[in-house]
């Protein structure tokens, strides 16, 4: 299953970005084959709707799960409506987060774990 990790950069050694909707990149990882690629999050600077736009970007990249630090309510609803599981509490590098996911150390959340607009620096 392909996973998307919210990240500050496009590589496996990039730090995980705690913010889903306003992260710089999503690193798309195939844990079974140890391959990855990255997409820039074009929604990160949106005036509004960054979470939903970022969720649509992830959906368009055919992932089964998202690994992030936190996820707001609109992004969470959009992801789960598409059948994508959301795992929160990731930290360290993207590789650390993928390893934690593979080892079952991340928690699948059943609702948003951050408030709306929390990633905007307000």
Protein backbone atom coordinates (compact mmCIF):
# COMPACT_ATOMS: atom_id res chain seq x y z
CA UNK A 1 0.00 0.00 0.00
CA UNK A 2 1.39 3.37 -1.02
CA UNK A 3 1.60 5.90 1.80
CA UNK A 4 1.98 9.68 1.73
CA UNK A 5 4.11 11.30 4.42
CA UNK A 6 3.79 15.04 5.06
CA UNK A 7 7.30 16.42 4.79
CA UNK A 8 9.42 19.57 4.72
CA UNK A 9 11.27 18.27 1.65
CA UNK A 10 11.24 15.66 -1.12
CA UNK A 11 13.59 13.02 0.34
CA UNK A 12 13.50 10.15 2.82
CA UNK A 13 15.85 12.08 5.11
CA UNK A 14 13.62 15.18 5.11
CA UNK A 15 11.89 15.96 8.41
CA UNK A 16 8.23 15.08 8.80
CA UNK A 17 6.07 18.21 8.69
CA UNK A 18 3.58 18.22 11.54
CA UNK A 19 1.06 20.06 9.33
CA UNK A 20 -0.80 18.02 6.73
CA UNK A 21 -2.42 20.76 4.67
CA UNK A 22 0.48 23.19 4.76
CA UNK A 23 3.41 20.82 4.41
CA UNK A 24 5.96 21.52 1.70
CA UNK A 25 5.89 18.06 0.10
CA UNK A 26 4.29 14.66 0.28
CA UNK A 27 6.78 11.84 0.04
CA UNK A 28 4.98 8.90 -1.59
CA UNK A 29 6.41 5.62 -0.34
CA UNK A 30 5.89 2.02 -1.43
CA UNK A 31 7.00 0.23 1.77
CA UNK A 32 6.95 -3.21 0.12
CA UNK A 33 9.52 -2.22 -2.50
CA UNK A 34 11.41 0.55 -0.65
CA UNK A 35 10.75 2.96 -3.51
CA UNK A 36 9.57 6.53 -3.19
CA UNK A 37 8.84 9.73 -5.03
CA UNK A 38 7.68 13.16 -3.95
CA UNK A 39 5.11 15.73 -4.99
CA UNK A 40 5.18 19.37 -4.03
CA UNK A 41 2.12 20.47 -2.07
CA UNK A 42 0.79 23.28 -4.23
CA UNK A 43 -1.93 23.97 -1.63
CA UNK A 44 0.46 24.99 1.16
CA UNK A 45 0.17 28.73 0.45
CA UNK A 46 -3.56 28.78 -0.29
CA UNK A 47 -5.55 31.54 1.38
CA UNK A 48 -8.15 28.97 2.35
CA UNK A 49 -8.93 25.34 1.78
CA UNK A 50 -5.33 24.13 2.00
CA UNK A 51 -6.31 20.95 3.85
CA UNK A 52 -8.95 19.92 1.34
CA UNK A 53 -6.71 20.79 -1.62
CA UNK A 54 -3.82 18.83 -0.10
CA UNK A 55 -6.15 15.90 0.55
CA UNK A 56 -7.23 15.95 -3.10
CA UNK A 57 -3.58 15.93 -4.17
CA UNK A 58 -3.02 12.83 -2.03
CA UNK A 59 -6.18 11.18 -3.40
CA UNK A 60 -5.00 11.89 -6.96
CA UNK A 61 -1.76 10.04 -6.16
CA UNK A 62 -3.59 6.83 -5.23
CA UNK A 63 -2.41 6.34 -1.67
CA UNK A 64 -3.99 4.07 0.92
CA UNK A 65 -2.72 5.89 3.99
CA UNK A 66 -1.42 9.25 5.14
CA UNK A 67 1.28 9.58 7.78
CA UNK A 68 1.52 13.01 9.38
CA UNK A 69 1.87 14.84 12.65
CA UNK A 70 -1.62 16.32 12.67
CA UNK A 71 -4.65 16.59 10.42
CA UNK A 72 -7.47 19.14 10.50
CA UNK A 73 -11.18 18.35 10.26
CA UNK A 74 -11.85 19.17 6.60
CA UNK A 75 -8.75 17.36 5.36
CA UNK A 76 -9.55 14.37 7.58
CA UNK A 77 -13.12 14.18 6.27
CA UNK A 78 -11.96 14.43 2.66
CA UNK A 79 -9.32 11.72 3.11
CA UNK A 80 -11.57 9.28 4.94
CA UNK A 81 -14.42 9.81 2.45
CA UNK A 82 -11.95 8.55 -0.19
CA UNK A 83 -11.11 5.50 1.93
CA UNK A 84 -7.66 6.74 2.97
CA UNK A 85 -6.52 5.91 6.50
CA UNK A 86 -4.85 8.68 8.51
CA UNK A 87 -2.04 7.98 10.96
CA UNK A 88 -0.90 10.79 13.23
CA UNK A 89 1.91 11.43 15.65
CA UNK A 90 4.73 10.94 13.16
CA UNK A 91 8.02 12.68 13.86
CA UNK A 92 11.68 12.54 12.88
CA UNK A 93 12.54 11.97 9.25
CA UNK A 94 10.28 10.53 6.58
CA UNK A 95 12.25 7.28 6.89
CA UNK A 96 11.63 7.26 10.66
CA UNK A 97 7.90 7.75 10.04
CA UNK A 98 7.78 4.97 7.43
CA UNK A 99 9.60 2.62 9.80
CA UNK A 100 7.18 3.51 12.62
CA UNK A 101 4.23 2.91 10.29
CA UNK A 102 5.60 -0.46 9.18
CA UNK A 103 6.19 -1.48 12.81
CA UNK A 104 2.65 -0.49 13.84
CA UNK A 105 3.85 2.27 16.18
CA UNK A 106 1.63 5.01 14.73
CA UNK A 107 -1.97 5.53 15.72
CA UNK A 108 -4.72 5.49 13.12
CA UNK A 109 -6.95 8.39 14.09
CA UNK A 110 -10.72 8.35 13.84
CA UNK A 111 -11.12 12.12 13.74
CA UNK A 112 -9.15 15.30 13.24
CA UNK A 113 -6.40 15.84 15.79
CA UNK A 114 -5.90 19.55 15.15
CA UNK A 115 -8.25 22.49 14.87
CA UNK A 116 -9.26 24.05 11.58
CA UNK A 117 -6.75 26.67 10.39
CA UNK A 118 -4.15 25.60 12.97
CA UNK A 119 -1.38 25.37 10.39
CA UNK A 120 -1.68 29.01 9.35
CA UNK A 121 0.49 30.36 12.17
CA UNK A 122 -2.35 32.17 13.85
